[in-house]
Amino acid sequence: MADISGLEELEGFIGGCLVDSSSGLVLGKQGVQNFDLDTAAAGNTEVVRAKIKTMKSLGIKGGIEDILITLDTQYHLIRLLKTNMEVFLYVVIDKKRGNLGMARSIAKKVEESLDLSGLAKSA
């Protein structure tokens, strides 16, 4: 499993995972036990696929940096990895306690620290 423990630095952090969007497989996870990250990973894989398909249909070039979903009480941040656009970080933070700018900054820092070599073989 990939080490994404740096996400714990986020104020209001609820949970997060690293996901292979080609399979929906969780490559690493961190956070509270009462949030089903495996189900969230599978569902957000569909969000990423839909956005990529829509961008292709519209002829939009380039990649996705991140996708933000704002709920009543939470922010859900999906950040596609620059080194492998089929892998994304999914981060959930409490809306009242968390800071979206810091979430984006820390997610980027965690992304830069990831070593994905060998994960494809074990996934």
PDB file of N, CA and C in Angstrom:
ATOM      1  N   MET A   1       0.839  -1.189   0.000  1.00  0.00           N
ATOM      2  CA  MET A   1       0.000   0.000   0.000  1.00  0.00           C
ATOM      3  C   MET A   1       0.884   1.253   0.000  1.00  0.00           C
ATOM      4  N   ALA A   2       0.401   2.288  -0.676  1.00  0.00           N
ATOM      5  CA  ALA A   2       1.130   3.550  -0.749  1.00  0.00           C
ATOM      6  C   ALA A   2       0.948   4.344   0.546  1.00  0.00           C
ATOM      7  N   ASP A   3       1.982   5.078   0.917  1.00  0.00           N
ATOM      8  CA  ASP A   3       1.946   5.887   2.135  1.00  0.00           C
ATOM      9  C   ASP A   3       1.367   7.266   1.830  1.00  0.00           C
ATOM     10  N   ILE A   4       0.163   7.517   2.323  1.00  0.00           N
ATOM     11  CA  ILE A   4      -0.465   8.828   2.167  1.00  0.00           C
ATOM     12  C   ILE A   4      -0.709   9.459   3.541  1.00  0.00           C
ATOM     13  N   SER A   5       0.072   9.049   4.525  1.00  0.00           N
ATOM     14  CA  SER A   5      -0.116   9.507   5.903  1.00  0.00           C
ATOM     15  C   SER A   5       0.037  11.018   6.058  1.00  0.00           C
ATOM     16  N   GLY A   6       0.682  11.678   5.116  1.00  0.00           N
ATOM     17  CA  GLY A   6       0.821  13.129   5.176  1.00  0.00           C
ATOM     18  C   GLY A   6      -0.509  13.858   5.156  1.00  0.00           C
ATOM     19  N   LEU A   7      -1.554  13.189   4.692  1.00  0.00           N
ATOM     20  CA  LEU A   7      -2.889  13.806   4.680  1.00  0.00           C
ATOM     21  C   LEU A   7      -3.389  14.082   6.089  1.00  0.00           C
ATOM     22  N   GLU A   8      -2.856  13.354   7.069  1.00  0.00           N
ATOM     23  CA  GLU A   8      -3.272  13.537   8.465  1.00  0.00           C
ATOM     24  C   GLU A   8      -2.952  14.940   8.975  1.00  0.00           C
ATOM     25  N   GLU A   9      -2.068  15.666   8.284  1.00  0.00           N
ATOM     26  CA  GLU A   9      -1.714  17.032   8.683  1.00  0.00           C
ATOM     27  C   GLU A   9      -2.886  17.998   8.525  1.00  0.00           C
ATOM     28  N   LEU A  10      -3.854  17.634   7.720  1.00  0.00           N
ATOM     29  CA  LEU A  10      -4.984  18.517   7.424  1.00  0.00           C
ATOM     30  C   LEU A  10      -5.903  18.700   8.624  1.00  0.00           C
ATOM     31  N   GLU A  11      -6.158  19.941   8.965  1.00  0.00           N
ATOM     32  CA  GLU A  11      -7.165  20.245   9.982  1.00  0.00           C
ATOM     33  C   GLU A  11      -8.525  19.804   9.440  1.00  0.00           C
ATOM     34  N   GLY A  12      -9.277  19.069  10.232  1.00  0.00           N
ATOM     35  CA  GLY A  12     -10.589  18.596   9.800  1.00  0.00           C
ATOM     36  C   GLY A  12     -10.546  17.361   8.912  1.00  0.00           C
ATOM     37  N   PHE A  13      -9.382  16.726   8.816  1.00  0.00           N
ATOM     38  CA  PHE A  13      -9.236  15.538   7.965  1.00  0.00           C
ATOM     39  C   PHE A  13     -10.156  14.412   8.436  1.00  0.00           C
ATOM     40  N   ILE A  14     -10.916  13.869   7.513  1.00  0.00           N
ATOM     41  CA  ILE A  14     -11.797  12.737   7.804  1.00  0.00           C
ATOM     42  C   ILE A  14     -11.207  11.446   7.249  1.00  0.00           C
ATOM     43  N   GLY A  15     -10.799  11.483   6.003  1.00  0.00           N
ATOM     44  CA  GLY A  15     -10.235  10.292   5.388  1.00  0.00           C
ATOM     45  C   GLY A  15      -9.713  10.595   4.004  1.00  0.00           C
ATOM     46  N   GLY A  16      -8.928   9.663   3.501  1.00  0.00           N
ATOM     47  CA  GLY A  16      -8.393   9.823   2.159  1.00  0.00           C
ATOM     48  C   GLY A  16      -7.860   8.508   1.640  1.00  0.00           C
ATOM     49  N   CYS A  17      -7.749   8.432   0.327  1.00  0.00           N
ATOM     50  CA  CYS A  17      -7.192   7.220  -0.269  1.00  0.00           C
ATOM     51  C   CYS A  17      -6.566   7.544  -1.619  1.00  0.00           C
ATOM     52  N   LEU A  18      -5.706   6.642  -2.037  1.00  0.00           N
ATOM     53  CA  LEU A  18      -5.087   6.690  -3.348  1.00  0.00           C
ATOM     54  C   LEU A  18      -5.775   5.615  -4.173  1.00  0.00           C
ATOM     55  N   VAL A  19      -6.239   5.980  -5.366  1.00  0.00           N
ATOM     56  CA  VAL A  19      -7.113   5.091  -6.133  1.00  0.00           C
ATOM     57  C   VAL A  19      -6.609   4.931  -7.561  1.00  0.00           C
ATOM     58  N   ASP A  20      -6.649   3.707  -8.060  1.00  0.00           N
ATOM     59  CA  ASP A  20      -6.386   3.397  -9.467  1.00  0.00           C
ATOM     60  C   ASP A  20      -7.714   3.532 -10.196  1.00  0.00           C
ATOM     61  N   SER A  21      -7.845   4.562 -11.046  1.00  0.00           N
ATOM     62  CA  SER A  21      -9.138   4.811 -11.696  1.00  0.00           C
ATOM     63  C   SER A  21      -9.455   3.811 -12.805  1.00  0.00           C
ATOM     64  N   SER A  22      -8.488   3.031 -13.241  1.00  0.00           N
ATOM     65  CA  SER A  22      -8.790   2.026 -14.260  1.00  0.00           C
ATOM     66  C   SER A  22      -9.522   0.828 -13.653  1.00  0.00           C
ATOM     67  N   SER A  23      -9.316   0.609 -12.341  1.00  0.00           N
ATOM     68  CA  SER A  23      -9.949  -0.542 -11.684  1.00  0.00           C
ATOM     69  C   SER A  23     -10.817  -0.171 -10.484  1.00  0.00           C
ATOM     70  N   GLY A  24     -10.635   1.037  -9.940  1.00  0.00           N
ATOM     71  CA  GLY A  24     -11.319   1.430  -8.708  1.00  0.00           C
ATOM     72  C   GLY A  24     -10.644   0.888  -7.459  1.00  0.00           C
ATOM     73  N   LEU A  25      -9.488   0.257  -7.632  1.00  0.00           N
ATOM     74  CA  LEU A  25      -8.758  -0.357  -6.528  1.00  0.00           C
ATOM     75  C   LEU A  25      -8.093   0.690  -5.648  1.00  0.00           C
ATOM     76  N   VAL A  26      -8.238   0.544  -4.325  1.00  0.00           N
ATOM     77  CA  VAL A  26      -7.582   1.427  -3.366  1.00  0.00           C
ATOM     78  C   VAL A  26      -6.135   0.975  -3.198  1.00  0.00           C
ATOM     79  N   LEU A  27      -5.203   1.902  -3.434  1.00  0.00           N
ATOM     80  CA  LEU A  27      -3.771   1.602  -3.347  1.00  0.00           C
ATOM     81  C   LEU A  27      -3.186   2.013  -2.000  1.00  0.00           C
ATOM     82  N   GLY A  28      -3.941   2.778  -1.245  1.00  0.00           N
ATOM     83  CA  GLY A  28      -3.528   3.224   0.080  1.00  0.00           C
ATOM     84  C   GLY A  28      -4.657   4.022   0.688  1.00  0.00           C
ATOM     85  N   LYS A  29      -4.824   3.940   2.010  1.00  0.00           N
ATOM     86  CA  LYS A  29      -5.875   4.731   2.646  1.00  0.00           C
ATOM     87  C   LYS A  29      -5.467   5.154   4.038  1.00  0.00           C
ATOM     88  N   GLN A  30      -6.106   6.219   4.489  1.00  0.00           N
ATOM     89  CA  GLN A  30      -5.784   6.844   5.755  1.00  0.00           C
ATOM     90  C   GLN A  30      -7.057   7.497   6.279  1.00  0.00           C
ATOM     91  N   GLY A  31      -7.274   7.428   7.576  1.00  0.00           N
ATOM     92  CA  GLY A  31      -8.394   8.157   8.145  1.00  0.00           C
ATOM     93  C   GLY A  31      -9.250   7.332   9.078  1.00  0.00           C
ATOM     94  N   VAL A  32     -10.400   7.892   9.385  1.00  0.00           N
ATOM     95  CA  VAL A  32     -11.293   7.295  10.370  1.00  0.00           C
ATOM     96  C   VAL A  32     -11.922   5.998   9.871  1.00  0.00           C
ATOM     97  N   GLN A  33     -12.315   5.173  10.813  1.00  0.00           N
ATOM     98  CA  GLN A  33     -12.878   3.866  10.486  1.00  0.00           C
ATOM     99  C   GLN A  33     -14.341   3.938  10.039  1.00  0.00           C
ATOM    100  N   ASN A  34     -15.058   4.998  10.394  1.00  0.00           N
ATOM    101  CA  ASN A  34     -16.492   5.050  10.093  1.00  0.00           C
ATOM    102  C   ASN A  34     -16.813   5.706   8.753  1.00  0.00           C
ATOM    103  N   PHE A  35     -15.836   5.843   7.883  1.00  0.00           N
ATOM    104  CA  PHE A  35     -16.051   6.378   6.535  1.00  0.00           C
ATOM    105  C   PHE A  35     -15.589   5.317   5.555  1.00  0.00           C
ATOM    106  N   ASP A  36     -16.485   4.828   4.726  1.00  0.00           N
ATOM    107  CA  ASP A  36     -16.195   3.723   3.807  1.00  0.00           C
ATOM    108  C   ASP A  36     -15.404   4.219   2.596  1.00  0.00           C
ATOM    109  N   LEU A  37     -14.097   4.217   2.730  1.00  0.00           N
ATOM    110  CA  LEU A  37     -13.233   4.721   1.671  1.00  0.00           C
ATOM    111  C   LEU A  37     -13.242   3.832   0.425  1.00  0.00           C
ATOM    112  N   ASP A  38     -13.471   2.542   0.608  1.00  0.00           N
ATOM    113  CA  ASP A  38     -13.512   1.646  -0.551  1.00  0.00           C
ATOM    114  C   ASP A  38     -14.712   1.964  -1.451  1.00  0.00           C
ATOM    115  N   THR A  39     -15.865   2.202  -0.842  1.00  0.00           N
ATOM    116  CA  THR A  39     -17.054   2.574  -1.612  1.00  0.00           C
ATOM    117  C   THR A  39     -16.867   3.943  -2.245  1.00  0.00           C
ATOM    118  N   ALA A  40     -16.285   4.875  -1.478  1.00  0.00           N
ATOM    119  CA  ALA A  40     -16.020   6.213  -2.007  1.00  0.00           C
ATOM    120  C   ALA A  40     -15.068   6.148  -3.199  1.00  0.00           C
ATOM    121  N   ALA A  41     -14.047   5.302  -3.106  1.00  0.00           N
ATOM    122  CA  ALA A  41     -13.081   5.151  -4.202  1.00  0.00           C
ATOM    123  C   ALA A  41     -13.768   4.653  -5.468  1.00  0.00           C
ATOM    124  N   ALA A  42     -14.615   3.655  -5.325  1.00  0.00           N
ATOM    125  CA  ALA A  42     -15.319   3.107  -6.488  1.00  0.00           C
ATOM    126  C   ALA A  42     -16.243   4.156  -7.114  1.00  0.00           C
ATOM    127  N   GLY A  43     -16.977   4.869  -6.284  1.00  0.00           N
ATOM    128  CA  GLY A  43     -17.883   5.893  -6.795  1.00  0.00           C
ATOM    129  C   GLY A  43     -17.158   7.046  -7.456  1.00  0.00           C
ATOM    130  N   ASN A  44     -16.065   7.483  -6.859  1.00  0.00           N
ATOM    131  CA  ASN A  44     -15.327   8.600  -7.425  1.00  0.00           C
ATOM    132  C   ASN A  44     -14.514   8.216  -8.651  1.00  0.00           C
ATOM    133  N   THR A  45     -14.254   6.933  -8.819  1.00  0.00           N
ATOM    134  CA  THR A  45     -13.667   6.459 -10.069  1.00  0.00           C
ATOM    135  C   THR A  45     -14.613   6.781 -11.218  1.00  0.00           C
ATOM    136  N   GLU A  46     -15.903   6.594 -10.989  1.00  0.00           N
ATOM    137  CA  GLU A  46     -16.905   6.921 -12.014  1.00  0.00           C
ATOM    138  C   GLU A  46     -16.950   8.422 -12.292  1.00  0.00           C
ATOM    139  N   VAL A  47     -16.774   9.246 -11.252  1.00  0.00           N
ATOM    140  CA  VAL A  47     -16.738  10.701 -11.427  1.00  0.00           C
ATOM    141  C   VAL A  47     -15.564  11.078 -12.336  1.00  0.00           C
ATOM    142  N   VAL A  48     -14.397  10.521 -12.069  1.00  0.00           N
ATOM    143  CA  VAL A  48     -13.203  10.822 -12.865  1.00  0.00           C
ATOM    144  C   VAL A  48     -13.409  10.363 -14.310  1.00  0.00           C
ATOM    145  N   ARG A  49     -13.896   9.165 -14.497  1.00  0.00           N
ATOM    146  CA  ARG A  49     -14.134   8.654 -15.857  1.00  0.00           C
ATOM    147  C   ARG A  49     -15.122   9.532 -16.615  1.00  0.00           C
ATOM    148  N   ALA A  50     -16.196   9.953 -15.944  1.00  0.00           N
ATOM    149  CA  ALA A  50     -17.210  10.796 -16.590  1.00  0.00           C
ATOM    150  C   ALA A  50     -16.620  12.140 -17.002  1.00  0.00           C
ATOM    151  N   LYS A  51     -15.784  12.724 -16.145  1.00  0.00           N
ATOM    152  CA  LYS A  51     -15.190  14.021 -16.476  1.00  0.00           C
ATOM    153  C   LYS A  51     -14.228  13.896 -17.645  1.00  0.00           C
ATOM    154  N   ILE A  52     -13.432  12.844 -17.664  1.00  0.00           N
ATOM    155  CA  ILE A  52     -12.497  12.628 -18.779  1.00  0.00           C
ATOM    156  C   ILE A  52     -13.273  12.429 -20.077  1.00  0.00           C
ATOM    157  N   LYS A  53     -14.350  11.653 -20.027  1.00  0.00           N
ATOM    158  CA  LYS A  53     -15.182  11.418 -21.215  1.00  0.00           C
ATOM    159  C   LYS A  53     -15.812  12.720 -21.706  1.00  0.00           C
ATOM    160  N   THR A  54     -16.293  13.534 -20.787  1.00  0.00           N
ATOM    161  CA  THR A  54     -16.905  14.810 -21.153  1.00  0.00           C
ATOM    162  C   THR A  54     -15.876  15.747 -21.776  1.00  0.00           C
ATOM    163  N   MET A  55     -14.672  15.788 -21.202  1.00  0.00           N
ATOM    164  CA  MET A  55     -13.628  16.635 -21.761  1.00  0.00           C
ATOM    165  C   MET A  55     -13.289  16.208 -23.191  1.00  0.00           C
ATOM    166  N   LYS A  56     -13.220  14.904 -23.425  1.00  0.00           N
ATOM    167  CA  LYS A  56     -12.944  14.405 -24.780  1.00  0.00           C
ATOM    168  C   LYS A  56     -14.060  14.801 -25.735  1.00  0.00           C
ATOM    169  N   SER A  57     -15.313  14.656 -25.289  1.00  0.00           N
ATOM    170  CA  SER A  57     -16.459  15.016 -26.126  1.00  0.00           C
ATOM    171  C   SER A  57     -16.460  16.492 -26.493  1.00  0.00           C
ATOM    172  N   LEU A  58     -15.993  17.320 -25.573  1.00  0.00           N
ATOM    173  CA  LEU A  58     -15.953  18.763 -25.805  1.00  0.00           C
ATOM    174  C   LEU A  58     -14.671  19.215 -26.505  1.00  0.00           C
ATOM    175  N   GLY A  59     -13.745  18.300 -26.706  1.00  0.00           N
ATOM    176  CA  GLY A  59     -12.485  18.632 -27.351  1.00  0.00           C
ATOM    177  C   GLY A  59     -11.549  19.431 -26.457  1.00  0.00           C
ATOM    178  N   ILE A  60     -11.713  19.298 -25.150  1.00  0.00           N
ATOM    179  CA  ILE A  60     -10.853  20.010 -24.206  1.00  0.00           C
ATOM    180  C   ILE A  60      -9.542  19.242 -24.061  1.00  0.00           C
ATOM    181  N   LYS A  61      -8.455  19.920 -24.355  1.00  0.00           N
ATOM    182  CA  LYS A  61      -7.127  19.310 -24.258  1.00  0.00           C
ATOM    183  C   LYS A  61      -6.575  19.487 -22.853  1.00  0.00           C
ATOM    184  N   GLY A  62      -5.603  18.668 -22.505  1.00  0.00           N
ATOM    185  CA  GLY A  62      -4.956  18.787 -21.211  1.00  0.00           C
ATOM    186  C   GLY A  62      -5.542  17.813 -20.213  1.00  0.00           C
ATOM    187  N   GLY A  63      -5.071  17.924 -18.978  1.00  0.00           N
ATOM    188  CA  GLY A  63      -5.500  16.997 -17.941  1.00  0.00           C
ATOM    189  C   GLY A  63      -6.296  17.705 -16.857  1.00  0.00           C
ATOM    190  N   ILE A  64      -6.729  16.913 -15.917  1.00  0.00           N
ATOM    191  CA  ILE A  64      -7.477  17.418 -14.771  1.00  0.00           C
ATOM    192  C   ILE A  64      -6.491  17.592 -13.620  1.00  0.00           C
ATOM    193  N   GLU A  65      -6.472  18.763 -13.012  1.00  0.00           N
ATOM    194  CA  GLU A  65      -5.648  18.957 -11.820  1.00  0.00           C
ATOM    195  C   GLU A  65      -6.403  18.418 -10.607  1.00  0.00           C
ATOM    196  N   ASP A  66      -7.601  18.932 -10.399  1.00  0.00           N
ATOM    197  CA  ASP A  66      -8.420  18.389  -9.324  1.00  0.00           C
ATOM    198  C   ASP A  66      -9.896  18.637  -9.588  1.00  0.00           C
ATOM    199  N   ILE A  67     -10.706  17.896  -8.856  1.00  0.00           N
ATOM    200  CA  ILE A  67     -12.164  18.012  -8.915  1.00  0.00           C
ATOM    201  C   ILE A  67     -12.613  18.235  -7.478  1.00  0.00           C
ATOM    202  N   LEU A  68     -13.436  19.260  -7.269  1.00  0.00           N
ATOM    203  CA  LEU A  68     -13.930  19.565  -5.928  1.00  0.00           C
ATOM    204  C   LEU A  68     -15.432  19.308  -5.861  1.00  0.00           C
ATOM    205  N   ILE A  69     -15.836  18.572  -4.847  1.00  0.00           N
ATOM    206  CA  ILE A  69     -17.251  18.342  -4.583  1.00  0.00           C
ATOM    207  C   ILE A  69     -17.529  18.925  -3.204  1.00  0.00           C
ATOM    208  N   THR A  70     -18.429  19.891  -3.145  1.00  0.00           N
ATOM    209  CA  THR A  70     -18.761  20.555  -1.890  1.00  0.00           C
ATOM    210  C   THR A  70     -20.107  20.047  -1.398  1.00  0.00           C
ATOM    211  N   LEU A  71     -20.101  19.435  -0.236  1.00  0.00           N
ATOM    212  CA  LEU A  71     -21.329  18.961   0.401  1.00  0.00           C
ATOM    213  C   LEU A  71     -21.703  19.921   1.531  1.00  0.00           C
ATOM    214  N   ASP A  72     -22.821  19.696   2.165  1.00  0.00           N
ATOM    215  CA  ASP A  72     -23.243  20.563   3.265  1.00  0.00           C
ATOM    216  C   ASP A  72     -22.206  20.641   4.378  1.00  0.00           C
ATOM    217  N   THR A  73     -21.593  19.512   4.713  1.00  0.00           N
ATOM    218  CA  THR A  73     -20.682  19.481   5.862  1.00  0.00           C
ATOM    219  C   THR A  73     -19.261  19.044   5.514  1.00  0.00           C
ATOM    220  N   GLN A  74     -18.994  18.740   4.250  1.00  0.00           N
ATOM    221  CA  GLN A  74     -17.676  18.211   3.878  1.00  0.00           C
ATOM    222  C   GLN A  74     -17.223  18.754   2.530  1.00  0.00           C
ATOM    223  N   TYR A  75     -15.892  18.771   2.346  1.00  0.00           N
ATOM    224  CA  TYR A  75     -15.272  18.959   1.041  1.00  0.00           C
ATOM    225  C   TYR A  75     -14.712  17.611   0.619  1.00  0.00           C
ATOM    226  N   HIS A  76     -14.937  17.241  -0.633  1.00  0.00           N
ATOM    227  CA  HIS A  76     -14.342  16.041  -1.213  1.00  0.00           C
ATOM    228  C   HIS A  76     -13.464  16.512  -2.362  1.00  0.00           C
ATOM    229  N   LEU A  77     -12.173  16.242  -2.251  1.00  0.00           N
ATOM    230  CA  LEU A  77     -11.204  16.682  -3.238  1.00  0.00           C
ATOM    231  C   LEU A  77     -10.624  15.462  -3.953  1.00  0.00           C
ATOM    232  N   ILE A  78     -10.678  15.493  -5.267  1.00  0.00           N
ATOM    233  CA  ILE A  78     -10.110  14.438  -6.100  1.00  0.00           C
ATOM    234  C   ILE A  78      -8.958  15.076  -6.869  1.00  0.00           C
ATOM    235  N   ARG A  79      -7.740  14.580  -6.655  1.00  0.00           N
ATOM    236  CA  ARG A  79      -6.559  15.133  -7.320  1.00  0.00           C
ATOM    237  C   ARG A  79      -5.886  14.049  -8.153  1.00  0.00           C
ATOM    238  N   LEU A  80      -5.893  14.215  -9.471  1.00  0.00           N
ATOM    239  CA  LEU A  80      -5.234  13.264 -10.340  1.00  0.00           C
ATOM    240  C   LEU A  80      -3.728  13.486 -10.300  1.00  0.00           C
ATOM    241  N   LEU A  81      -2.971  12.407 -10.247  1.00  0.00           N
ATOM    242  CA  LEU A  81      -1.518  12.492 -10.162  1.00  0.00           C
ATOM    243  C   LEU A  81      -0.924  12.883 -11.507  1.00  0.00           C
ATOM    244  N   LYS A  82      -0.017  13.831 -11.479  1.00  0.00           N
ATOM    245  CA  LYS A  82       0.636  14.265 -12.722  1.00  0.00           C
ATOM    246  C   LYS A  82       1.503  13.163 -13.312  1.00  0.00           C
ATOM    247  N   THR A  83       2.065  12.305 -12.455  1.00  0.00           N
ATOM    248  CA  THR A  83       2.944  11.244 -12.927  1.00  0.00           C
ATOM    249  C   THR A  83       2.175  10.063 -13.502  1.00  0.00           C
ATOM    250  N   ASN A  84       0.890   9.946 -13.153  1.00  0.00           N
ATOM    251  CA  ASN A  84       0.062   8.855 -13.660  1.00  0.00           C
ATOM    252  C   ASN A  84      -1.400   9.292 -13.542  1.00  0.00           C
ATOM    253  N   MET A  85      -1.967   9.768 -14.651  1.00  0.00           N
ATOM    254  CA  MET A  85      -3.318  10.320 -14.638  1.00  0.00           C
ATOM    255  C   MET A  85      -4.402   9.266 -14.387  1.00  0.00           C
ATOM    256  N   GLU A  86      -4.029   7.997 -14.302  1.00  0.00           N
ATOM    257  CA  GLU A  86      -5.004   6.961 -13.961  1.00  0.00           C
ATOM    258  C   GLU A  86      -5.086   6.735 -12.460  1.00  0.00           C
ATOM    259  N   VAL A  87      -4.281   7.467 -11.704  1.00  0.00           N
ATOM    260  CA  VAL A  87      -4.283   7.349 -10.249  1.00  0.00           C
ATOM    261  C   VAL A  87      -4.679   8.693  -9.665  1.00  0.00           C
ATOM    262  N   PHE A  88      -5.544   8.657  -8.634  1.00  0.00           N
ATOM    263  CA  PHE A  88      -5.930   9.910  -8.002  1.00  0.00           C
ATOM    264  C   PHE A  88      -5.948   9.787  -6.495  1.00  0.00           C
ATOM    265  N   LEU A  89      -5.722  10.938  -5.850  1.00  0.00           N
ATOM    266  CA  LEU A  89      -5.869  11.073  -4.410  1.00  0.00           C
ATOM    267  C   LEU A  89      -7.285  11.556  -4.147  1.00  0.00           C
ATOM    268  N   TYR A  90      -7.936  10.951  -3.186  1.00  0.00           N
ATOM    269  CA  TYR A  90      -9.279  11.366  -2.778  1.00  0.00           C
ATOM    270  C   TYR A  90      -9.200  11.761  -1.312  1.00  0.00           C
ATOM    271  N   VAL A  91      -9.594  12.992  -1.015  1.00  0.00           N
ATOM    272  CA  VAL A  91      -9.457  13.529   0.334  1.00  0.00           C
ATOM    273  C   VAL A  91     -10.799  14.082   0.795  1.00  0.00           C
ATOM    274  N   VAL A  92     -11.183  13.732   2.031  1.00  0.00           N
ATOM    275  CA  VAL A  92     -12.422  14.232   2.624  1.00  0.00           C
ATOM    276  C   VAL A  92     -12.066  15.031   3.874  1.00  0.00           C
ATOM    277  N   ILE A  93     -12.543  16.276   3.929  1.00  0.00           N
ATOM    278  CA  ILE A  93     -12.320  17.094   5.117  1.00  0.00           C
ATOM    279  C   ILE A  93     -13.632  17.698   5.599  1.00  0.00           C
ATOM    280  N   ASP A  94     -13.682  17.945   6.885  1.00  0.00           N
ATOM    281  CA  ASP A  94     -14.823  18.605   7.511  1.00  0.00           C
ATOM    282  C   ASP A  94     -14.853  20.061   7.038  1.00  0.00           C
ATOM    283  N   LYS A  95     -16.005  20.492   6.552  1.00  0.00           N
ATOM    284  CA  LYS A  95     -16.129  21.824   5.969  1.00  0.00           C
ATOM    285  C   LYS A  95     -15.931  22.944   6.997  1.00  0.00           C
ATOM    286  N   LYS A  96     -16.376  22.745   8.225  1.00  0.00           N
ATOM    287  CA  LYS A  96     -16.261  23.781   9.251  1.00  0.00           C
ATOM    288  C   LYS A  96     -14.831  23.934   9.763  1.00  0.00           C
ATOM    289  N   ARG A  97     -14.124  22.829   9.899  1.00  0.00           N
ATOM    290  CA  ARG A  97     -12.776  22.867  10.482  1.00  0.00           C
ATOM    291  C   ARG A  97     -11.672  22.915   9.443  1.00  0.00           C
ATOM    292  N   GLY A  98     -11.958  22.430   8.252  1.00  0.00           N
ATOM    293  CA  GLY A  98     -10.923  22.336   7.233  1.00  0.00           C
ATOM    294  C   GLY A  98     -10.748  23.605   6.430  1.00  0.00           C
ATOM    295  N   ASN A  99      -9.652  23.643   5.701  1.00  0.00           N
ATOM    296  CA  ASN A  99      -9.314  24.765   4.841  1.00  0.00           C
ATOM    297  C   ASN A  99      -9.030  24.194   3.460  1.00  0.00           C
ATOM    298  N   LEU A 100      -9.827  24.581   2.486  1.00  0.00           N
ATOM    299  CA  LEU A 100      -9.709  24.012   1.149  1.00  0.00           C
ATOM    300  C   LEU A 100      -8.347  24.297   0.509  1.00  0.00           C
ATOM    301  N   GLY A 101      -7.840  25.507   0.698  1.00  0.00           N
ATOM    302  CA  GLY A 101      -6.517  25.841   0.159  1.00  0.00           C
ATOM    303  C   GLY A 101      -5.425  24.952   0.732  1.00  0.00           C
ATOM    304  N   MET A 102      -5.488  24.723   2.039  1.00  0.00           N
ATOM    305  CA  MET A 102      -4.502  23.842   2.680  1.00  0.00           C
ATOM    306  C   MET A 102      -4.685  22.402   2.196  1.00  0.00           C
ATOM    307  N   ALA A 103      -5.919  21.986   2.004  1.00  0.00           N
ATOM    308  CA  ALA A 103      -6.170  20.626   1.512  1.00  0.00           C
ATOM    309  C   ALA A 103      -5.528  20.423   0.149  1.00  0.00           C
ATOM    310  N   ARG A 104      -5.680  21.387  -0.725  1.00  0.00           N
ATOM    311  CA  ARG A 104      -5.064  21.293  -2.054  1.00  0.00           C
ATOM    312  C   ARG A 104      -3.542  21.284  -1.951  1.00  0.00           C
ATOM    313  N   SER A 105      -3.004  22.130  -1.086  1.00  0.00           N
ATOM    314  CA  SER A 105      -1.555  22.220  -0.912  1.00  0.00           C
ATOM    315  C   SER A 105      -0.979  20.923  -0.339  1.00  0.00           C
ATOM    316  N   ILE A 106      -1.606  20.381   0.684  1.00  0.00           N
ATOM    317  CA  ILE A 106      -1.104  19.153   1.308  1.00  0.00           C
ATOM    318  C   ILE A 106      -1.288  17.957   0.377  1.00  0.00           C
ATOM    319  N   ALA A 107      -2.394  17.918  -0.355  1.00  0.00           N
ATOM    320  CA  ALA A 107      -2.594  16.828  -1.329  1.00  0.00           C
ATOM    321  C   ALA A 107      -1.482  16.853  -2.375  1.00  0.00           C
ATOM    322  N   LYS A 108      -1.102  18.041  -2.814  1.00  0.00           N
ATOM    323  CA  LYS A 108      -0.004  18.156  -3.785  1.00  0.00           C
ATOM    324  C   LYS A 108       1.307  17.674  -3.173  1.00  0.00           C
ATOM    325  N   LYS A 109       1.552  18.045  -1.920  1.00  0.00           N
ATOM    326  CA  LYS A 109       2.772  17.620  -1.227  1.00  0.00           C
ATOM    327  C   LYS A 109       2.812  16.088  -1.075  1.00  0.00           C
ATOM    328  N   VAL A 110       1.683  15.498  -0.713  1.00  0.00           N
ATOM    329  CA  VAL A 110       1.601  14.037  -0.585  1.00  0.00           C
ATOM    330  C   VAL A 110       1.837  13.392  -1.944  1.00  0.00           C
ATOM    331  N   GLU A 111       1.229  13.954  -2.985  1.00  0.00           N
ATOM    332  CA  GLU A 111       1.431  13.432  -4.336  1.00  0.00           C
ATOM    333  C   GLU A 111       2.914  13.413  -4.691  1.00  0.00           C
ATOM    334  N   GLU A 112       3.609  14.501  -4.412  1.00  0.00           N
ATOM    335  CA  GLU A 112       5.030  14.607  -4.759  1.00  0.00           C
ATOM    336  C   GLU A 112       5.897  13.624  -3.972  1.00  0.00           C
ATOM    337  N   SER A 113       5.419  13.186  -2.804  1.00  0.00           N
ATOM    338  CA  SER A 113       6.197  12.261  -1.975  1.00  0.00           C
ATOM    339  C   SER A 113       5.945  10.792  -2.318  1.00  0.00           C
ATOM    340  N   LEU A 114       4.948  10.534  -3.157  1.00  0.00           N
ATOM    341  CA  LEU A 114       4.568   9.148  -3.458  1.00  0.00           C
ATOM    342  C   LEU A 114       5.599   8.435  -4.311  1.00  0.00           C
ATOM    343  N   ASP A 115       5.824   7.179  -3.975  1.00  0.00           N
ATOM    344  CA  ASP A 115       6.634   6.291  -4.796  1.00  0.00           C
ATOM    345  C   ASP A 115       5.700   5.193  -5.288  1.00  0.00           C
ATOM    346  N   LEU A 116       5.300   5.282  -6.545  1.00  0.00           N
ATOM    347  CA  LEU A 116       4.339   4.328  -7.092  1.00  0.00           C
ATOM    348  C   LEU A 116       5.004   3.130  -7.742  1.00  0.00           C
ATOM    349  N   SER A 117       6.320   3.083  -7.754  1.00  0.00           N
ATOM    350  CA  SER A 117       7.002   1.939  -8.348  1.00  0.00           C
ATOM    351  C   SER A 117       6.653   0.678  -7.568  1.00  0.00           C
ATOM    352  N   GLY A 118       6.286  -0.322  -8.273  1.00  0.00           N
ATOM    353  CA  GLY A 118       5.933  -1.589  -7.631  1.00  0.00           C
ATOM    354  C   GLY A 118       4.458  -1.733  -7.304  1.00  0.00           C
ATOM    355  N   LEU A 119       3.716  -0.622  -7.254  1.00  0.00           N
ATOM    356  CA  LEU A 119       2.285  -0.732  -6.933  1.00  0.00           C
ATOM    357  C   LEU A 119       1.515  -1.440  -8.036  1.00  0.00           C
ATOM    358  N   ALA A 120       1.859  -1.168  -9.279  1.00  0.00           N
ATOM    359  CA  ALA A 120       1.138  -1.799 -10.382  1.00  0.00           C
ATOM    360  C   ALA A 120       1.294  -3.312 -10.357  1.00  0.00           C
ATOM    361  N   LYS A 121       2.457  -3.774  -9.906  1.00  0.00           N
ATOM    362  CA  LYS A 121       2.685  -5.205  -9.840  1.00  0.00           C
ATOM    363  C   LYS A 121       1.861  -5.864  -8.741  1.00  0.00           C
ATOM    364  N   SER A 122       1.664  -5.122  -7.615  1.00  0.00           N
ATOM    365  CA  SER A 122       0.933  -5.706  -6.499  1.00  0.00           C
ATOM    366  C   SER A 122      -0.555  -5.454  -6.562  1.00  0.00           C
ATOM    367  N   ALA A 123      -0.984  -4.513  -7.409  1.00  0.00           N
ATOM    368  CA  ALA A 123      -2.412  -4.169  -7.497  1.00  0.00           C
ATOM    369  C   ALA A 123      -3.200  -5.186  -8.267  1.00  0.00           C
TER     370      ALA A 123
END
